[in-house]
Amino acid sequence: MMELLTDPQAWIAFATLTALELVLGIDNIVFISILVDKLPKARQEVARRLGLFMAMFIRVGLLMVLSWIVGLTAPVFTVIGQEISGRDLILICGGLFLIWKSTGEIHQSLEGEEGHASSAVQATFAAVIVQIMVVDMVFSLDSIITAVGMVDSLPVMIAAVIVSVGLMMLFAGAIGRFVSDHPTIKMLALSFLVVVGVVLIAEGFEYHVPKGFVYFAMAFSLSVEMLNIRMRRKSATPAHLHAAYTREKAAQTDLPDQG
């Protein structure tokens, strides 16, 4: 252990892997934020932290069974000349789940209050945690396979996972509240998750789509929407002040004559 602490290569690998886990965990945080938003306010923070803790637990657990992870890359069956491994099957099923869940959330958002009410009845705490664990499994598998190809030391990989999840816990609350308070951001995030689902399915069929392109598109769309939010807020402020001034003048006019 002391050799790892004094090895510069180990620290470089730790920093690189931590950054990778944070980037790959962005979509996980977004999905958790959207799911817990359907719970009562008092339970949202507990569900968010529990979901991220489960993400850490699952990733560390997968690191402990690296031989099984490596074995998942072996072909299991063939479909139309395409070999499908255990990893491919998990990615395809996970992608389909993401598309189904995100499309359902978009549909409920477009239904308005009626859709929100119906979804709130179905969103139990246990159901939300189970859904978080399913997506954690998919995202964890993808990141762990990447980690195995980058780093040889198991303690370094475990340390990177724990630190990255700790950092995600630190910022997940703020991200979740921001997504919840801005419906347009939530819709953008759901659309992003649909794209991620399509990418997972493509990777399951051995069609590699560089995730850098997806993240760049998301970052660009988010930047444009942030400018829109700022512009709407700036243009709305004078109108609100004028309305308040008008109400105040009307109230003064309606006051009875004290003379």
C-alpha atoms as a PDB file:
ATOM      1  CA  MET A   1       0.000   0.000   0.000  1.00  0.00           C
ATOM      2  CA  MET A   2       2.847   2.410   0.819  1.00  0.00           C
ATOM      3  CA  GLU A   3       4.316   1.754  -2.613  1.00  0.00           C
ATOM      4  CA  LEU A   4       1.073   2.974  -4.211  1.00  0.00           C
ATOM      5  CA  LEU A   5       1.055   6.127  -2.070  1.00  0.00           C
ATOM      6  CA  THR A   6       4.570   7.037  -3.203  1.00  0.00           C
ATOM      7  CA  ASP A   7       4.125   6.013  -6.839  1.00  0.00           C
ATOM      8  CA  PRO A   8       3.460   9.019  -9.151  1.00  0.00           C
ATOM      9  CA  GLN A   9       1.984   6.712 -11.794  1.00  0.00           C
ATOM     10  CA  ALA A  10      -0.594   5.483  -9.282  1.00  0.00           C
ATOM     11  CA  TRP A  11      -1.629   9.072  -8.473  1.00  0.00           C
ATOM     12  CA  ILE A  12      -1.913   9.922 -12.166  1.00  0.00           C
ATOM     13  CA  ALA A  13      -4.052   6.821 -12.733  1.00  0.00           C
ATOM     14  CA  PHE A  14      -6.175   7.709  -9.682  1.00  0.00           C
ATOM     15  CA  ALA A  15      -6.800  11.286 -10.901  1.00  0.00           C
ATOM     16  CA  THR A  16      -7.561  10.162 -14.450  1.00  0.00           C
ATOM     17  CA  LEU A  17      -9.941   7.435 -13.344  1.00  0.00           C
ATOM     18  CA  THR A  18     -11.706   9.725 -10.856  1.00  0.00           C
ATOM     19  CA  ALA A  19     -12.302  12.281 -13.609  1.00  0.00           C
ATOM     20  CA  LEU A  20     -13.560   9.508 -15.896  1.00  0.00           C
ATOM     21  CA  GLU A  21     -15.970   8.234 -13.253  1.00  0.00           C
ATOM     22  CA  LEU A  22     -17.312  11.774 -12.714  1.00  0.00           C
ATOM     23  CA  VAL A  23     -17.913  12.273 -16.441  1.00  0.00           C
ATOM     24  CA  LEU A  24     -19.574   8.872 -16.809  1.00  0.00           C
ATOM     25  CA  GLY A  25     -21.642   9.594 -13.690  1.00  0.00           C
ATOM     26  CA  ILE A  26     -23.280  12.751 -15.074  1.00  0.00           C
ATOM     27  CA  ASP A  27     -26.091  10.866 -16.777  1.00  0.00           C
ATOM     28  CA  ASN A  28     -26.522   8.811 -13.607  1.00  0.00           C
ATOM     29  CA  ILE A  29     -26.993  11.969 -11.507  1.00  0.00           C
ATOM     30  CA  VAL A  30     -29.481  13.391 -14.016  1.00  0.00           C
ATOM     31  CA  PHE A  31     -31.516  10.182 -14.035  1.00  0.00           C
ATOM     32  CA  ILE A  32     -31.527   9.981 -10.225  1.00  0.00           C
ATOM     33  CA  SER A  33     -32.606  13.641  -9.999  1.00  0.00           C
ATOM     34  CA  ILE A  34     -35.569  13.049 -12.320  1.00  0.00           C
ATOM     35  CA  LEU A  35     -36.653   9.900 -10.469  1.00  0.00           C
ATOM     36  CA  VAL A  36     -36.471  11.336  -6.942  1.00  0.00           C
ATOM     37  CA  ASP A  37     -38.357  14.456  -8.090  1.00  0.00           C
ATOM     38  CA  LYS A  38     -41.499  12.291  -8.085  1.00  0.00           C
ATOM     39  CA  LEU A  39     -41.138  11.574  -4.361  1.00  0.00           C
ATOM     40  CA  PRO A  40     -42.293  13.847  -1.505  1.00  0.00           C
ATOM     41  CA  LYS A  41     -39.818  16.642  -0.761  1.00  0.00           C
ATOM     42  CA  ALA A  42     -38.956  15.179   2.637  1.00  0.00           C
ATOM     43  CA  ARG A  43     -37.739  11.906   1.097  1.00  0.00           C
ATOM     44  CA  GLN A  44     -35.971  13.200  -2.010  1.00  0.00           C
ATOM     45  CA  GLU A  45     -32.585  13.831  -0.366  1.00  0.00           C
ATOM     46  CA  VAL A  46     -32.604  10.416   1.329  1.00  0.00           C
ATOM     47  CA  ALA A  47     -33.429   8.684  -1.965  1.00  0.00           C
ATOM     48  CA  ARG A  48     -30.765  10.674  -3.818  1.00  0.00           C
ATOM     49  CA  ARG A  49     -28.028   9.799  -1.334  1.00  0.00           C
ATOM     50  CA  LEU A  50     -29.135   6.177  -1.123  1.00  0.00           C
ATOM     51  CA  GLY A  51     -29.149   5.934  -4.907  1.00  0.00           C
ATOM     52  CA  LEU A  52     -25.604   7.270  -5.171  1.00  0.00           C
ATOM     53  CA  PHE A  53     -24.473   5.028  -2.326  1.00  0.00           C
ATOM     54  CA  MET A  54     -25.890   2.054  -4.213  1.00  0.00           C
ATOM     55  CA  ALA A  55     -23.973   3.236  -7.291  1.00  0.00           C
ATOM     56  CA  MET A  56     -20.753   3.159  -5.268  1.00  0.00           C
ATOM     57  CA  PHE A  57     -21.611  -0.220  -3.741  1.00  0.00           C
ATOM     58  CA  ILE A  58     -22.409  -1.750  -7.135  1.00  0.00           C
ATOM     59  CA  ARG A  59     -19.235  -0.408  -8.766  1.00  0.00           C
ATOM     60  CA  VAL A  60     -16.984  -1.584  -5.934  1.00  0.00           C
ATOM     61  CA  GLY A  61     -18.762  -4.938  -5.990  1.00  0.00           C
ATOM     62  CA  LEU A  62     -18.176  -5.272  -9.724  1.00  0.00           C
ATOM     63  CA  LEU A  63     -14.510  -4.443  -9.218  1.00  0.00           C
ATOM     64  CA  MET A  64     -14.313  -7.330  -6.767  1.00  0.00           C
ATOM     65  CA  VAL A  65     -15.437  -9.764  -9.471  1.00  0.00           C
ATOM     66  CA  LEU A  66     -13.204  -8.630 -12.317  1.00  0.00           C
ATOM     67  CA  SER A  67     -12.931 -12.163 -13.671  1.00  0.00           C
ATOM     68  CA  TRP A  68     -16.712 -12.239 -14.126  1.00  0.00           C
ATOM     69  CA  ILE A  69     -16.622  -8.825 -15.824  1.00  0.00           C
ATOM     70  CA  VAL A  70     -13.972 -10.046 -18.262  1.00  0.00           C
ATOM     71  CA  GLY A  71     -16.030 -13.172 -18.907  1.00  0.00           C
ATOM     72  CA  LEU A  72     -19.021 -11.046 -19.934  1.00  0.00           C
ATOM     73  CA  THR A  73     -17.198 -10.091 -23.122  1.00  0.00           C
ATOM     74  CA  ALA A  74     -17.339 -13.677 -24.436  1.00  0.00           C
ATOM     75  CA  PRO A  75     -20.081 -14.326 -27.064  1.00  0.00           C
ATOM     76  CA  VAL A  76     -23.235 -15.955 -25.660  1.00  0.00           C
ATOM     77  CA  PHE A  77     -25.343 -16.287 -28.822  1.00  0.00           C
ATOM     78  CA  THR A  78     -25.571 -14.929 -32.361  1.00  0.00           C
ATOM     79  CA  VAL A  79     -28.360 -12.837 -33.902  1.00  0.00           C
ATOM     80  CA  ILE A  80     -28.352 -12.279 -37.694  1.00  0.00           C
ATOM     81  CA  GLY A  81     -24.618 -12.879 -37.837  1.00  0.00           C
ATOM     82  CA  GLN A  82     -23.965 -10.567 -34.854  1.00  0.00           C
ATOM     83  CA  GLU A  83     -22.331 -12.120 -31.789  1.00  0.00           C
ATOM     84  CA  ILE A  84     -23.962 -10.976 -28.537  1.00  0.00           C
ATOM     85  CA  SER A  85     -22.028 -11.213 -25.267  1.00  0.00           C
ATOM     86  CA  GLY A  86     -23.306 -10.862 -21.714  1.00  0.00           C
ATOM     87  CA  ARG A  87     -22.056  -7.281 -21.625  1.00  0.00           C
ATOM     88  CA  ASP A  88     -23.813  -6.515 -24.918  1.00  0.00           C
ATOM     89  CA  LEU A  89     -27.057  -7.961 -23.593  1.00  0.00           C
ATOM     90  CA  ILE A  90     -26.892  -5.826 -20.437  1.00  0.00           C
ATOM     91  CA  LEU A  91     -26.151  -2.685 -22.473  1.00  0.00           C
ATOM     92  CA  ILE A  92     -29.026  -3.378 -24.888  1.00  0.00           C
ATOM     93  CA  CYS A  93     -31.515  -4.057 -22.088  1.00  0.00           C
ATOM     94  CA  GLY A  94     -30.275  -1.026 -20.154  1.00  0.00           C
ATOM     95  CA  GLY A  95     -30.591   1.178 -23.225  1.00  0.00           C
ATOM     96  CA  LEU A  96     -34.142  -0.040 -23.850  1.00  0.00           C
ATOM     97  CA  PHE A  97     -34.995   0.632 -20.191  1.00  0.00           C
ATOM     98  CA  LEU A  98     -33.592   4.167 -20.398  1.00  0.00           C
ATOM     99  CA  ILE A  99     -35.547   4.930 -23.583  1.00  0.00           C
ATOM    100  CA  TRP A 100     -38.752   3.479 -22.137  1.00  0.00           C
ATOM    101  CA  LYS A 101     -38.409   5.324 -18.822  1.00  0.00           C
ATOM    102  CA  SER A 102     -37.363   8.664 -20.332  1.00  0.00           C
ATOM    103  CA  THR A 103     -40.107   8.548 -22.974  1.00  0.00           C
ATOM    104  CA  GLY A 104     -42.656   7.803 -20.242  1.00  0.00           C
ATOM    105  CA  GLU A 105     -41.417  10.767 -18.190  1.00  0.00           C
ATOM    106  CA  ILE A 106     -41.652  13.061 -21.239  1.00  0.00           C
ATOM    107  CA  HIS A 107     -45.194  11.843 -21.897  1.00  0.00           C
ATOM    108  CA  GLN A 108     -46.226  12.470 -18.281  1.00  0.00           C
ATOM    109  CA  SER A 109     -44.679  15.947 -18.359  1.00  0.00           C
ATOM    110  CA  LEU A 110     -46.630  16.830 -21.503  1.00  0.00           C
ATOM    111  CA  GLU A 111     -49.891  15.604 -19.941  1.00  0.00           C
ATOM    112  CA  GLY A 112     -49.700  18.365 -17.347  1.00  0.00           C
ATOM    113  CA  GLU A 113     -51.183  18.207 -13.857  1.00  0.00           C
ATOM    114  CA  GLU A 114     -53.201  15.044 -14.581  1.00  0.00           C
ATOM    115  CA  GLY A 115     -50.108  13.183 -15.740  1.00  0.00           C
ATOM    116  CA  HIS A 116     -48.107  14.476 -12.779  1.00  0.00           C
ATOM    117  CA  ALA A 117     -50.781  13.295 -10.341  1.00  0.00           C
ATOM    118  CA  SER A 118     -50.977   9.832 -11.870  1.00  0.00           C
ATOM    119  CA  SER A 119     -47.207   9.408 -11.831  1.00  0.00           C
ATOM    120  CA  ALA A 120     -46.937  10.630  -8.230  1.00  0.00           C
ATOM    121  CA  VAL A 121     -49.275   7.845  -7.092  1.00  0.00           C
ATOM    122  CA  GLN A 122     -47.118   5.187  -8.729  1.00  0.00           C
ATOM    123  CA  ALA A 123     -43.766   6.546  -7.532  1.00  0.00           C
ATOM    124  CA  THR A 124     -43.089   4.715  -4.287  1.00  0.00           C
ATOM    125  CA  PHE A 125     -39.770   5.011  -2.490  1.00  0.00           C
ATOM    126  CA  ALA A 126     -38.900   1.345  -3.068  1.00  0.00           C
ATOM    127  CA  ALA A 127     -39.789   1.538  -6.790  1.00  0.00           C
ATOM    128  CA  VAL A 128     -37.549   4.572  -7.273  1.00  0.00           C
ATOM    129  CA  ILE A 129     -34.608   2.881  -5.524  1.00  0.00           C
ATOM    130  CA  VAL A 130     -35.041  -0.291  -7.641  1.00  0.00           C
ATOM    131  CA  GLN A 131     -35.053   1.761 -10.854  1.00  0.00           C
ATOM    132  CA  ILE A 132     -31.945   3.635  -9.719  1.00  0.00           C
ATOM    133  CA  MET A 133     -30.187   0.327  -9.029  1.00  0.00           C
ATOM    134  CA  VAL A 134     -31.083  -1.004 -12.504  1.00  0.00           C
ATOM    135  CA  VAL A 135     -29.571   2.034 -14.237  1.00  0.00           C
ATOM    136  CA  ASP A 136     -26.603   2.035 -11.828  1.00  0.00           C
ATOM    137  CA  MET A 137     -25.862  -1.513 -12.952  1.00  0.00           C
ATOM    138  CA  VAL A 138     -25.785  -0.485 -16.620  1.00  0.00           C
ATOM    139  CA  PHE A 139     -23.716   2.666 -16.103  1.00  0.00           C
ATOM    140  CA  SER A 140     -21.411   0.909 -13.637  1.00  0.00           C
ATOM    141  CA  LEU A 141     -20.708  -1.925 -16.051  1.00  0.00           C
ATOM    142  CA  ASP A 142     -19.724   0.520 -18.757  1.00  0.00           C
ATOM    143  CA  SER A 143     -17.408   2.543 -16.511  1.00  0.00           C
ATOM    144  CA  ILE A 144     -15.852  -0.491 -14.812  1.00  0.00           C
ATOM    145  CA  ILE A 145     -14.938  -2.110 -18.137  1.00  0.00           C
ATOM    146  CA  THR A 146     -13.330   1.185 -19.121  1.00  0.00           C
ATOM    147  CA  ALA A 147     -11.486   1.341 -15.786  1.00  0.00           C
ATOM    148  CA  VAL A 148     -10.129  -2.190 -16.164  1.00  0.00           C
ATOM    149  CA  GLY A 149      -8.575  -1.193 -19.483  1.00  0.00           C
ATOM    150  CA  MET A 150      -6.919   1.887 -17.970  1.00  0.00           C
ATOM    151  CA  VAL A 151      -5.651   0.815 -14.543  1.00  0.00           C
ATOM    152  CA  ASP A 152      -4.135  -2.456 -13.311  1.00  0.00           C
ATOM    153  CA  SER A 153      -4.312  -1.771  -9.564  1.00  0.00           C
ATOM    154  CA  LEU A 154      -7.564  -2.757  -7.826  1.00  0.00           C
ATOM    155  CA  PRO A 155      -7.012  -0.440  -4.776  1.00  0.00           C
ATOM    156  CA  VAL A 156      -6.553   2.542  -7.120  1.00  0.00           C
ATOM    157  CA  MET A 157      -9.791   1.702  -8.948  1.00  0.00           C
ATOM    158  CA  ILE A 158     -11.746   1.312  -5.700  1.00  0.00           C
ATOM    159  CA  ALA A 159     -10.352   4.591  -4.313  1.00  0.00           C
ATOM    160  CA  ALA A 160     -11.283   6.428  -7.535  1.00  0.00           C
ATOM    161  CA  VAL A 161     -14.847   5.063  -7.409  1.00  0.00           C
ATOM    162  CA  ILE A 162     -15.325   6.048  -3.740  1.00  0.00           C
ATOM    163  CA  VAL A 163     -13.950   9.579  -4.247  1.00  0.00           C
ATOM    164  CA  SER A 164     -15.953  10.160  -7.431  1.00  0.00           C
ATOM    165  CA  VAL A 165     -19.216   9.048  -5.779  1.00  0.00           C
ATOM    166  CA  GLY A 166     -18.419  11.280  -2.788  1.00  0.00           C
ATOM    167  CA  LEU A 167     -18.027  14.248  -5.125  1.00  0.00           C
ATOM    168  CA  MET A 168     -21.252  13.339  -6.910  1.00  0.00           C
ATOM    169  CA  MET A 169     -23.067  13.267  -3.552  1.00  0.00           C
ATOM    170  CA  LEU A 170     -21.719  16.749  -2.846  1.00  0.00           C
ATOM    171  CA  PHE A 171     -23.194  18.265  -6.007  1.00  0.00           C
ATOM    172  CA  ALA A 172     -26.168  15.968  -6.694  1.00  0.00           C
ATOM    173  CA  GLY A 173     -28.529  17.936  -4.450  1.00  0.00           C
ATOM    174  CA  ALA A 174     -27.892  21.239  -6.213  1.00  0.00           C
ATOM    175  CA  ILE A 175     -28.155  19.597  -9.634  1.00  0.00           C
ATOM    176  CA  GLY A 176     -31.395  17.860  -8.646  1.00  0.00           C
ATOM    177  CA  ARG A 177     -33.004  21.059  -7.351  1.00  0.00           C
ATOM    178  CA  PHE A 178     -31.943  22.950 -10.468  1.00  0.00           C
ATOM    179  CA  VAL A 179     -33.433  20.292 -12.761  1.00  0.00           C
ATOM    180  CA  SER A 180     -36.629  20.208 -10.691  1.00  0.00           C
ATOM    181  CA  ASP A 181     -37.055  24.011 -10.691  1.00  0.00           C
ATOM    182  CA  HIS A 182     -36.587  24.390 -14.476  1.00  0.00           C
ATOM    183  CA  PRO A 183     -38.999  22.295 -16.596  1.00  0.00           C
ATOM    184  CA  THR A 184     -37.112  23.084 -19.816  1.00  0.00           C
ATOM    185  CA  ILE A 185     -33.869  21.738 -18.300  1.00  0.00           C
ATOM    186  CA  LYS A 186     -35.725  18.619 -17.166  1.00  0.00           C
ATOM    187  CA  MET A 187     -37.068  18.061 -20.689  1.00  0.00           C
ATOM    188  CA  LEU A 188     -33.580  18.575 -22.104  1.00  0.00           C
ATOM    189  CA  ALA A 189     -32.177  16.066 -19.608  1.00  0.00           C
ATOM    190  CA  LEU A 190     -34.833  13.496 -20.514  1.00  0.00           C
ATOM    191  CA  SER A 191     -34.048  13.936 -24.204  1.00  0.00           C
ATOM    192  CA  PHE A 192     -30.372  13.460 -23.365  1.00  0.00           C
ATOM    193  CA  LEU A 193     -31.175  10.214 -21.556  1.00  0.00           C
ATOM    194  CA  VAL A 194     -33.044   8.960 -24.635  1.00  0.00           C
ATOM    195  CA  VAL A 195     -29.892   9.618 -26.672  1.00  0.00           C
ATOM    196  CA  VAL A 196     -27.781   7.806 -24.054  1.00  0.00           C
ATOM    197  CA  GLY A 197     -30.166   4.853 -24.306  1.00  0.00           C
ATOM    198  CA  VAL A 198     -29.732   4.752 -28.078  1.00  0.00           C
ATOM    199  CA  VAL A 199     -25.939   4.902 -27.646  1.00  0.00           C
ATOM    200  CA  LEU A 200     -26.037   1.976 -25.184  1.00  0.00           C
ATOM    201  CA  ILE A 201     -28.067  -0.121 -27.629  1.00  0.00           C
ATOM    202  CA  ALA A 202     -25.663   0.745 -30.455  1.00  0.00           C
ATOM    203  CA  GLU A 203     -22.688  -0.292 -28.313  1.00  0.00           C
ATOM    204  CA  GLY A 204     -24.498  -3.518 -27.457  1.00  0.00           C
ATOM    205  CA  PHE A 205     -24.547  -4.286 -31.188  1.00  0.00           C
ATOM    206  CA  GLU A 206     -20.851  -3.336 -31.478  1.00  0.00           C
ATOM    207  CA  TYR A 207     -21.490   0.052 -33.116  1.00  0.00           C
ATOM    208  CA  HIS A 208     -19.245   2.343 -31.102  1.00  0.00           C
ATOM    209  CA  VAL A 209     -20.463   5.935 -30.767  1.00  0.00           C
ATOM    210  CA  PRO A 210     -17.879   8.273 -29.151  1.00  0.00           C
ATOM    211  CA  LYS A 211     -19.551   9.590 -26.011  1.00  0.00           C
ATOM    212  CA  GLY A 212     -17.568  12.794 -26.318  1.00  0.00           C
ATOM    213  CA  PHE A 213     -19.866  13.803 -29.178  1.00  0.00           C
ATOM    214  CA  VAL A 214     -22.950  13.133 -27.051  1.00  0.00           C
ATOM    215  CA  TYR A 215     -21.610  15.039 -24.055  1.00  0.00           C
ATOM    216  CA  PHE A 216     -20.540  17.961 -26.260  1.00  0.00           C
ATOM    217  CA  ALA A 217     -24.006  18.158 -27.807  1.00  0.00           C
ATOM    218  CA  MET A 218     -25.558  18.077 -24.332  1.00  0.00           C
ATOM    219  CA  ALA A 219     -23.199  20.749 -23.003  1.00  0.00           C
ATOM    220  CA  PHE A 220     -23.919  22.981 -26.004  1.00  0.00           C
ATOM    221  CA  SER A 221     -27.699  22.549 -25.638  1.00  0.00           C
ATOM    222  CA  LEU A 222     -27.460  23.221 -21.898  1.00  0.00           C
ATOM    223  CA  SER A 223     -25.420  26.397 -22.512  1.00  0.00           C
ATOM    224  CA  VAL A 224     -28.045  27.685 -24.965  1.00  0.00           C
ATOM    225  CA  GLU A 225     -30.861  26.920 -22.517  1.00  0.00           C
ATOM    226  CA  MET A 226     -29.000  28.673 -19.688  1.00  0.00           C
ATOM    227  CA  LEU A 227     -28.795  31.776 -21.890  1.00  0.00           C
ATOM    228  CA  ASN A 228     -32.529  31.476 -22.572  1.00  0.00           C
ATOM    229  CA  ILE A 229     -33.290  31.202 -18.836  1.00  0.00           C
ATOM    230  CA  ARG A 230     -31.155  34.248 -18.113  1.00  0.00           C
ATOM    231  CA  MET A 231     -32.812  36.218 -20.910  1.00  0.00           C
ATOM    232  CA  ARG A 232     -36.328  35.291 -19.727  1.00  0.00           C
ATOM    233  CA  ARG A 233     -35.454  36.222 -16.149  1.00  0.00           C
ATOM    234  CA  LYS A 234     -33.999  39.558 -17.241  1.00  0.00           C
ATOM    235  CA  SER A 235     -36.977  40.444 -19.444  1.00  0.00           C
ATOM    236  CA  ALA A 236     -39.484  39.354 -16.794  1.00  0.00           C
ATOM    237  CA  THR A 237     -38.054  41.500 -13.991  1.00  0.00           C
ATOM    238  CA  PRO A 238     -39.245  44.937 -15.285  1.00  0.00           C
ATOM    239  CA  ALA A 239     -42.704  43.479 -15.967  1.00  0.00           C
ATOM    240  CA  HIS A 240     -42.954  42.167 -12.415  1.00  0.00           C
ATOM    241  CA  LEU A 241     -41.844  45.502 -10.977  1.00  0.00           C
ATOM    242  CA  HIS A 242     -44.379  47.346 -13.113  1.00  0.00           C
ATOM    243  CA  ALA A 243     -47.169  44.983 -12.023  1.00  0.00           C
ATOM    244  CA  ALA A 244     -46.228  45.445  -8.359  1.00  0.00           C
ATOM    245  CA  TYR A 245     -46.162  49.245  -8.796  1.00  0.00           C
ATOM    246  CA  THR A 246     -49.583  49.161 -10.480  1.00  0.00           C
ATOM    247  CA  ARG A 247     -51.071  47.065  -7.651  1.00  0.00           C
ATOM    248  CA  GLU A 248     -49.628  49.426  -5.054  1.00  0.00           C
ATOM    249  CA  LYS A 249     -51.091  52.496  -6.776  1.00  0.00           C
ATOM    250  CA  ALA A 250     -54.469  50.778  -7.095  1.00  0.00           C
ATOM    251  CA  ALA A 251     -54.418  49.904  -3.391  1.00  0.00           C
ATOM    252  CA  GLN A 252     -53.628  53.510  -2.477  1.00  0.00           C
ATOM    253  CA  THR A 253     -56.460  54.743  -4.669  1.00  0.00           C
ATOM    254  CA  ASP A 254     -58.941  52.363  -3.052  1.00  0.00           C
ATOM    255  CA  LEU A 255     -58.075  53.528   0.503  1.00  0.00           C
ATOM    256  CA  PRO A 256     -60.978  55.404   2.196  1.00  0.00           C
ATOM    257  CA  ASP A 257     -60.570  59.112   2.783  1.00  0.00           C
ATOM    258  CA  GLN A 258     -59.276  59.595   6.304  1.00  0.00           C
ATOM    259  CA  GLY A 259     -60.104  63.300   6.338  1.00  0.00           C
END
